Amino acid sequence: MGMSSGWGWLLLPVCQALVVPREVSGRTGETLSLRCWYPSGYEGYNKYWCRGASRDSCRKVVETAGREVPQRHGRVSIQDNHIFCVALLNIEKLSKADAGSYWCGVERMGRDLMEPVTVRVVPG
């Protein structure tokens, strides 16, 4: 039995572990989108993206407050989808200054769940 290729992305690590790409690239002036899958059971928790070289020094760029309502801070937005356990980050009008280390995080008691992502910006 075949499977529609349009839904193949659903077979990615949905609701199992905190998973992000290690590196993403975008062109200057365009919108960069990053997906961060988180474990089942964390749907109502605050998800965030922070920026910095290490998990201990990163500063939050945008956060969800545990809701599915999109949140925006300047050119950066985040939206949480509780059904697919994924937080989506968008950076609009990408510039060279946006390049660097980011972290997807899930706020919880004790140590937050966090995974790093390197953003590269190439000339448009």
N, C-alpha and C. Protein backbone atom coordinates (compact mmCIF):
# COMPACT_ATOMS: atom_id res chain seq x y z
N MET A 1 0.83 -1.18 0.00
CA MET A 1 0.00 0.00 0.00
C MET A 1 0.88 1.24 0.00
N GLY A 2 0.63 2.18 -0.89
CA GLY A 2 1.46 3.37 -0.99
C GLY A 2 1.05 4.44 0.00
N MET A 3 1.94 5.42 0.15
CA MET A 3 1.69 6.53 1.06
C MET A 3 1.88 7.82 0.29
N SER A 4 1.02 8.77 0.51
CA SER A 4 1.14 10.06 -0.15
C SER A 4 2.42 10.76 0.30
N SER A 5 3.25 11.17 -0.65
CA SER A 5 4.51 11.82 -0.30
C SER A 5 4.29 13.16 0.38
N GLY A 6 3.13 13.77 0.18
CA GLY A 6 2.84 15.05 0.79
C GLY A 6 2.75 15.00 2.31
N TRP A 7 2.48 13.84 2.86
CA TRP A 7 2.36 13.69 4.31
C TRP A 7 3.53 12.94 4.92
N GLY A 8 4.54 12.65 4.13
CA GLY A 8 5.70 11.91 4.62
C GLY A 8 6.40 12.57 5.78
N TRP A 9 6.36 13.89 5.86
CA TRP A 9 7.03 14.60 6.97
C TRP A 9 6.43 14.24 8.31
N LEU A 10 5.18 13.73 8.32
CA LEU A 10 4.56 13.35 9.59
C LEU A 10 5.27 12.17 10.23
N LEU A 11 6.05 11.43 9.47
CA LEU A 11 6.76 10.28 10.00
C LEU A 11 8.05 10.66 10.70
N LEU A 12 8.35 11.94 10.70
CA LEU A 12 9.53 12.40 11.42
C LEU A 12 9.31 12.20 12.92
N PRO A 13 10.31 12.46 13.75
CA PRO A 13 10.20 12.16 15.18
C PRO A 13 9.17 13.03 15.90
N VAL A 14 7.90 12.80 15.62
CA VAL A 14 6.83 13.58 16.19
C VAL A 14 6.52 13.09 17.61
N CYS A 15 6.49 14.00 18.56
CA CYS A 15 6.09 13.71 19.94
C CYS A 15 6.96 12.66 20.62
N GLN A 16 8.22 12.54 20.27
CA GLN A 16 9.07 11.55 20.90
C GLN A 16 10.28 12.15 21.61
N ALA A 17 10.95 13.09 21.00
CA ALA A 17 12.16 13.67 21.58
C ALA A 17 12.30 15.10 21.09
N LEU A 18 13.13 15.88 21.76
CA LEU A 18 13.40 17.25 21.31
C LEU A 18 14.36 17.13 20.13
N VAL A 19 13.86 17.46 18.94
CA VAL A 19 14.63 17.26 17.72
C VAL A 19 14.59 18.54 16.87
N VAL A 20 15.77 19.00 16.48
CA VAL A 20 15.91 20.15 15.59
C VAL A 20 17.01 19.83 14.57
N PRO A 21 17.01 20.51 13.43
CA PRO A 21 18.15 20.33 12.52
C PRO A 21 19.39 20.94 13.17
N ARG A 22 20.54 20.39 12.92
CA ARG A 22 21.78 20.94 13.49
C ARG A 22 22.16 22.26 12.86
N GLU A 23 21.80 22.42 11.57
CA GLU A 23 22.15 23.64 10.84
C GLU A 23 21.11 23.93 9.78
N VAL A 24 20.77 25.21 9.63
CA VAL A 24 19.86 25.64 8.57
C VAL A 24 20.45 26.87 7.90
N SER A 25 20.10 27.06 6.64
CA SER A 25 20.59 28.22 5.89
C SER A 25 19.41 28.96 5.27
N GLY A 26 19.56 30.26 5.18
CA GLY A 26 18.57 31.09 4.53
C GLY A 26 19.24 32.21 3.78
N ARG A 27 18.50 32.78 2.85
CA ARG A 27 19.03 33.88 2.03
C ARG A 27 18.63 35.22 2.62
N THR A 28 19.54 36.18 2.51
CA THR A 28 19.28 37.54 2.97
C THR A 28 17.97 38.05 2.39
N GLY A 29 17.13 38.63 3.23
CA GLY A 29 15.87 39.21 2.79
C GLY A 29 14.70 38.25 2.80
N GLU A 30 14.96 36.96 2.88
CA GLU A 30 13.88 35.97 2.87
C GLU A 30 13.45 35.60 4.29
N THR A 31 12.45 34.74 4.40
CA THR A 31 11.99 34.24 5.70
C THR A 31 12.59 32.87 5.94
N LEU A 32 13.19 32.69 7.10
CA LEU A 32 13.76 31.40 7.49
C LEU A 32 12.80 30.75 8.47
N SER A 33 12.48 29.47 8.24
CA SER A 33 11.61 28.71 9.13
C SER A 33 12.37 27.55 9.74
N LEU A 34 12.22 27.37 11.04
CA LEU A 34 12.85 26.26 11.77
C LEU A 34 11.78 25.51 12.53
N ARG A 35 11.87 24.20 12.53
CA ARG A 35 10.93 23.38 13.29
C ARG A 35 11.66 22.68 14.43
N CYS A 36 11.00 22.62 15.56
CA CYS A 36 11.54 21.95 16.74
C CYS A 36 10.47 21.01 17.28
N TRP A 37 10.71 19.70 17.17
CA TRP A 37 9.77 18.71 17.67
C TRP A 37 10.09 18.43 19.13
N TYR A 38 9.07 18.31 19.95
CA TYR A 38 9.26 18.07 21.38
C TYR A 38 8.48 16.82 21.81
N PRO A 39 8.84 16.25 22.98
CA PRO A 39 8.20 15.02 23.43
C PRO A 39 6.73 15.21 23.82
N SER A 40 5.95 14.17 23.61
CA SER A 40 4.56 14.14 24.05
C SER A 40 4.53 14.37 25.56
N GLY A 41 3.52 15.11 26.01
CA GLY A 41 3.41 15.41 27.43
C GLY A 41 3.83 16.84 27.75
N TYR A 42 4.51 17.49 26.79
CA TYR A 42 4.98 18.87 26.99
C TYR A 42 4.14 19.89 26.20
N GLU A 43 2.98 19.47 25.74
CA GLU A 43 2.17 20.35 24.89
C GLU A 43 1.86 21.69 25.57
N GLY A 44 1.51 21.70 26.85
CA GLY A 44 1.13 22.93 27.53
C GLY A 44 2.29 23.72 28.13
N TYR A 45 3.51 23.24 27.92
CA TYR A 45 4.69 23.92 28.48
C TYR A 45 5.12 25.08 27.57
N ASN A 46 5.84 26.04 28.15
CA ASN A 46 6.38 27.15 27.39
C ASN A 46 7.51 26.67 26.49
N LYS A 47 7.38 26.94 25.18
CA LYS A 47 8.46 26.66 24.23
C LYS A 47 9.10 27.99 23.87
N TYR A 48 10.39 27.97 23.60
CA TYR A 48 11.07 29.22 23.26
C TYR A 48 12.25 28.97 22.35
N TRP A 49 12.69 30.05 21.72
CA TRP A 49 13.94 30.06 20.96
C TRP A 49 14.81 31.09 21.64
N CYS A 50 16.05 30.71 21.90
CA CYS A 50 16.98 31.68 22.47
C CYS A 50 18.24 31.70 21.61
N ARG A 51 19.03 32.71 21.82
CA ARG A 51 20.22 32.91 21.00
C ARG A 51 21.43 33.05 21.89
N GLY A 52 22.51 32.32 21.55
CA GLY A 52 23.74 32.38 22.32
C GLY A 52 24.61 31.17 22.06
N ALA A 53 25.85 31.27 22.44
CA ALA A 53 26.82 30.21 22.17
C ALA A 53 26.59 28.96 23.00
N SER A 54 26.02 29.12 24.22
CA SER A 54 25.79 27.95 25.07
C SER A 54 24.39 28.02 25.68
N ARG A 55 23.92 26.89 26.17
CA ARG A 55 22.58 26.84 26.76
C ARG A 55 22.48 27.73 27.99
N ASP A 56 23.60 27.94 28.68
CA ASP A 56 23.57 28.74 29.90
C ASP A 56 23.65 30.24 29.63
N SER A 57 24.10 30.61 28.44
CA SER A 57 24.26 32.04 28.14
C SER A 57 23.27 32.56 27.11
N CYS A 58 22.38 31.71 26.62
CA CYS A 58 21.48 32.19 25.57
C CYS A 58 20.35 33.04 26.15
N ARG A 59 19.92 34.01 25.34
CA ARG A 59 18.84 34.91 25.73
C ARG A 59 17.62 34.62 24.86
N LYS A 60 16.45 34.55 25.51
CA LYS A 60 15.22 34.25 24.78
C LYS A 60 14.94 35.32 23.73
N VAL A 61 14.59 34.84 22.53
CA VAL A 61 14.23 35.71 21.43
C VAL A 61 12.71 35.82 21.34
N VAL A 62 12.02 34.68 21.54
CA VAL A 62 10.57 34.64 21.46
C VAL A 62 10.11 33.38 22.20
N GLU A 63 8.88 33.43 22.78
CA GLU A 63 8.37 32.26 23.51
C GLU A 63 6.86 32.15 23.37
N THR A 64 6.33 30.95 23.67
CA THR A 64 4.91 30.67 23.43
C THR A 64 4.01 30.90 24.64
N ALA A 65 4.54 30.91 25.83
CA ALA A 65 3.76 30.97 27.07
C ALA A 65 2.85 29.75 27.19
N GLY A 66 3.20 28.65 26.51
CA GLY A 66 2.46 27.40 26.60
C GLY A 66 1.19 27.34 25.77
N ARG A 67 0.97 28.35 24.94
CA ARG A 67 -0.25 28.40 24.12
C ARG A 67 0.08 28.19 22.65
N GLU A 68 -0.97 27.86 21.88
CA GLU A 68 -0.81 27.67 20.43
C GLU A 68 -0.93 28.99 19.66
N VAL A 69 -1.27 30.06 20.34
CA VAL A 69 -1.42 31.37 19.69
C VAL A 69 -0.04 31.86 19.24
N PRO A 70 0.10 32.26 17.97
CA PRO A 70 1.40 32.75 17.50
C PRO A 70 1.86 33.96 18.32
N GLN A 71 3.15 34.00 18.62
CA GLN A 71 3.75 35.11 19.37
C GLN A 71 4.81 35.75 18.48
N ARG A 72 4.94 37.06 18.57
CA ARG A 72 5.88 37.79 17.71
C ARG A 72 6.70 38.76 18.54
N HIS A 73 7.97 38.88 18.15
CA HIS A 73 8.85 39.90 18.72
C HIS A 73 9.66 40.45 17.56
N GLY A 74 9.24 41.60 17.04
CA GLY A 74 9.91 42.18 15.87
C GLY A 74 9.73 41.28 14.64
N ARG A 75 10.84 40.89 14.03
CA ARG A 75 10.81 40.05 12.82
C ARG A 75 10.74 38.56 13.13
N VAL A 76 10.72 38.23 14.41
CA VAL A 76 10.78 36.83 14.84
C VAL A 76 9.43 36.40 15.42
N SER A 77 8.95 35.23 15.00
CA SER A 77 7.70 34.72 15.54
C SER A 77 7.84 33.23 15.87
N ILE A 78 6.97 32.77 16.76
CA ILE A 78 6.94 31.36 17.14
C ILE A 78 5.48 30.92 17.20
N GLN A 79 5.24 29.68 16.78
CA GLN A 79 3.91 29.10 16.91
C GLN A 79 4.06 27.65 17.32
N ASP A 80 3.27 27.25 18.30
CA ASP A 80 3.30 25.89 18.81
C ASP A 80 2.10 25.12 18.27
N ASN A 81 2.34 23.90 17.82
CA ASN A 81 1.26 23.03 17.37
C ASN A 81 1.23 21.83 18.30
N HIS A 82 0.23 21.80 19.20
CA HIS A 82 0.15 20.74 20.20
C HIS A 82 -0.18 19.38 19.61
N ILE A 83 -0.88 19.34 18.48
CA ILE A 83 -1.23 18.05 17.87
C ILE A 83 0.01 17.33 17.36
N PHE A 84 0.90 18.06 16.69
CA PHE A 84 2.11 17.46 16.12
C PHE A 84 3.34 17.65 16.99
N CYS A 85 3.17 18.29 18.17
CA CYS A 85 4.29 18.51 19.10
C CYS A 85 5.46 19.20 18.41
N VAL A 86 5.18 20.31 17.76
CA VAL A 86 6.24 21.04 17.06
C VAL A 86 6.09 22.54 17.28
N ALA A 87 7.21 23.20 17.56
CA ALA A 87 7.26 24.65 17.67
C ALA A 87 7.96 25.18 16.42
N LEU A 88 7.33 26.13 15.75
CA LEU A 88 7.85 26.70 14.51
C LEU A 88 8.37 28.11 14.77
N LEU A 89 9.61 28.35 14.38
CA LEU A 89 10.21 29.68 14.48
C LEU A 89 10.34 30.25 13.07
N ASN A 90 9.94 31.49 12.90
CA ASN A 90 10.14 32.21 11.64
C ASN A 90 10.94 33.47 11.91
N ILE A 91 11.95 33.69 11.07
CA ILE A 91 12.71 34.95 11.11
C ILE A 91 12.49 35.61 9.76
N GLU A 92 11.80 36.75 9.75
CA GLU A 92 11.50 37.46 8.51
C GLU A 92 12.62 38.40 8.13
N LYS A 93 12.71 38.69 6.84
CA LYS A 93 13.71 39.64 6.32
C LYS A 93 15.09 39.32 6.89
N LEU A 94 15.51 38.10 6.68
CA LEU A 94 16.77 37.59 7.20
C LEU A 94 17.95 38.50 6.84
N SER A 95 18.83 38.75 7.81
CA SER A 95 20.03 39.55 7.56
C SER A 95 21.25 38.80 8.09
N LYS A 96 22.42 39.25 7.69
CA LYS A 96 23.67 38.63 8.16
C LYS A 96 23.75 38.61 9.69
N ALA A 97 23.18 39.64 10.32
CA ALA A 97 23.21 39.74 11.78
C ALA A 97 22.41 38.62 12.46
N ASP A 98 21.53 37.94 11.71
CA ASP A 98 20.73 36.85 12.28
C ASP A 98 21.50 35.53 12.34
N ALA A 99 22.65 35.47 11.68
CA ALA A 99 23.44 34.23 11.69
C ALA A 99 23.99 33.97 13.09
N GLY A 100 24.11 32.69 13.43
CA GLY A 100 24.68 32.35 14.72
C GLY A 100 24.02 31.14 15.36
N SER A 101 24.23 31.01 16.65
CA SER A 101 23.72 29.86 17.41
C SER A 101 22.39 30.18 18.08
N TYR A 102 21.42 29.30 17.86
CA TYR A 102 20.11 29.40 18.48
C TYR A 102 19.84 28.10 19.22
N TRP A 103 18.89 28.15 20.13
CA TRP A 103 18.50 26.96 20.89
C TRP A 103 16.98 26.89 20.92
N CYS A 104 16.45 25.71 20.67
CA CYS A 104 15.04 25.45 20.89
C CYS A 104 14.94 24.95 22.32
N GLY A 105 14.00 25.51 23.08
CA GLY A 105 13.88 25.11 24.47
C GLY A 105 12.45 24.84 24.90
N VAL A 106 12.31 23.93 25.85
CA VAL A 106 11.04 23.65 26.51
C VAL A 106 11.28 23.89 27.99
N GLU A 107 10.57 24.88 28.54
CA GLU A 107 10.74 25.24 29.94
C GLU A 107 10.09 24.18 30.83
N ARG A 108 10.83 23.72 31.82
CA ARG A 108 10.28 22.74 32.76
C ARG A 108 11.00 22.86 34.09
N MET A 109 10.49 22.19 35.10
CA MET A 109 11.14 22.19 36.40
C MET A 109 12.53 21.57 36.25
N GLY A 110 13.49 22.12 36.95
CA GLY A 110 14.86 21.61 36.80
C GLY A 110 15.49 22.19 35.55
N ARG A 111 16.21 21.37 34.84
CA ARG A 111 16.91 21.81 33.63
C ARG A 111 16.00 21.72 32.41
N ASP A 112 15.88 22.85 31.67
CA ASP A 112 15.04 22.88 30.47
C ASP A 112 15.55 21.89 29.43
N LEU A 113 14.61 21.38 28.61
CA LEU A 113 15.01 20.61 27.43
C LEU A 113 15.51 21.63 26.41
N MET A 114 16.69 21.45 25.86
CA MET A 114 17.24 22.40 24.89
C MET A 114 18.08 21.67 23.86
N GLU A 115 17.98 22.12 22.59
CA GLU A 115 18.82 21.60 21.52
C GLU A 115 19.30 22.77 20.67
N PRO A 116 20.58 22.74 20.23
CA PRO A 116 21.14 23.84 19.45
C PRO A 116 20.88 23.73 17.95
N VAL A 117 20.83 24.89 17.30
CA VAL A 117 20.70 25.01 15.85
C VAL A 117 21.63 26.13 15.40
N THR A 118 22.42 25.88 14.37
CA THR A 118 23.25 26.93 13.79
C THR A 118 22.53 27.51 12.58
N VAL A 119 22.37 28.83 12.57
CA VAL A 119 21.73 29.52 11.44
C VAL A 119 22.81 30.18 10.60
N ARG A 120 22.81 29.86 9.32
CA ARG A 120 23.75 30.48 8.37
C ARG A 120 22.93 31.35 7.42
N VAL A 121 23.48 32.50 7.07
CA VAL A 121 22.80 33.41 6.16
C VAL A 121 23.69 33.61 4.94
N VAL A 122 23.14 33.34 3.76
CA VAL A 122 23.89 33.48 2.52
C VAL A 122 23.32 34.65 1.73
N PRO A 123 24.14 35.30 0.90
CA PRO A 123 23.65 36.45 0.13
C PRO A 123 22.46 36.06 -0.75
N GLY A 124 21.50 36.99 -0.84
CA GLY A 124 20.29 36.76 -1.66
C GLY A 124 20.62 36.98 -3.08
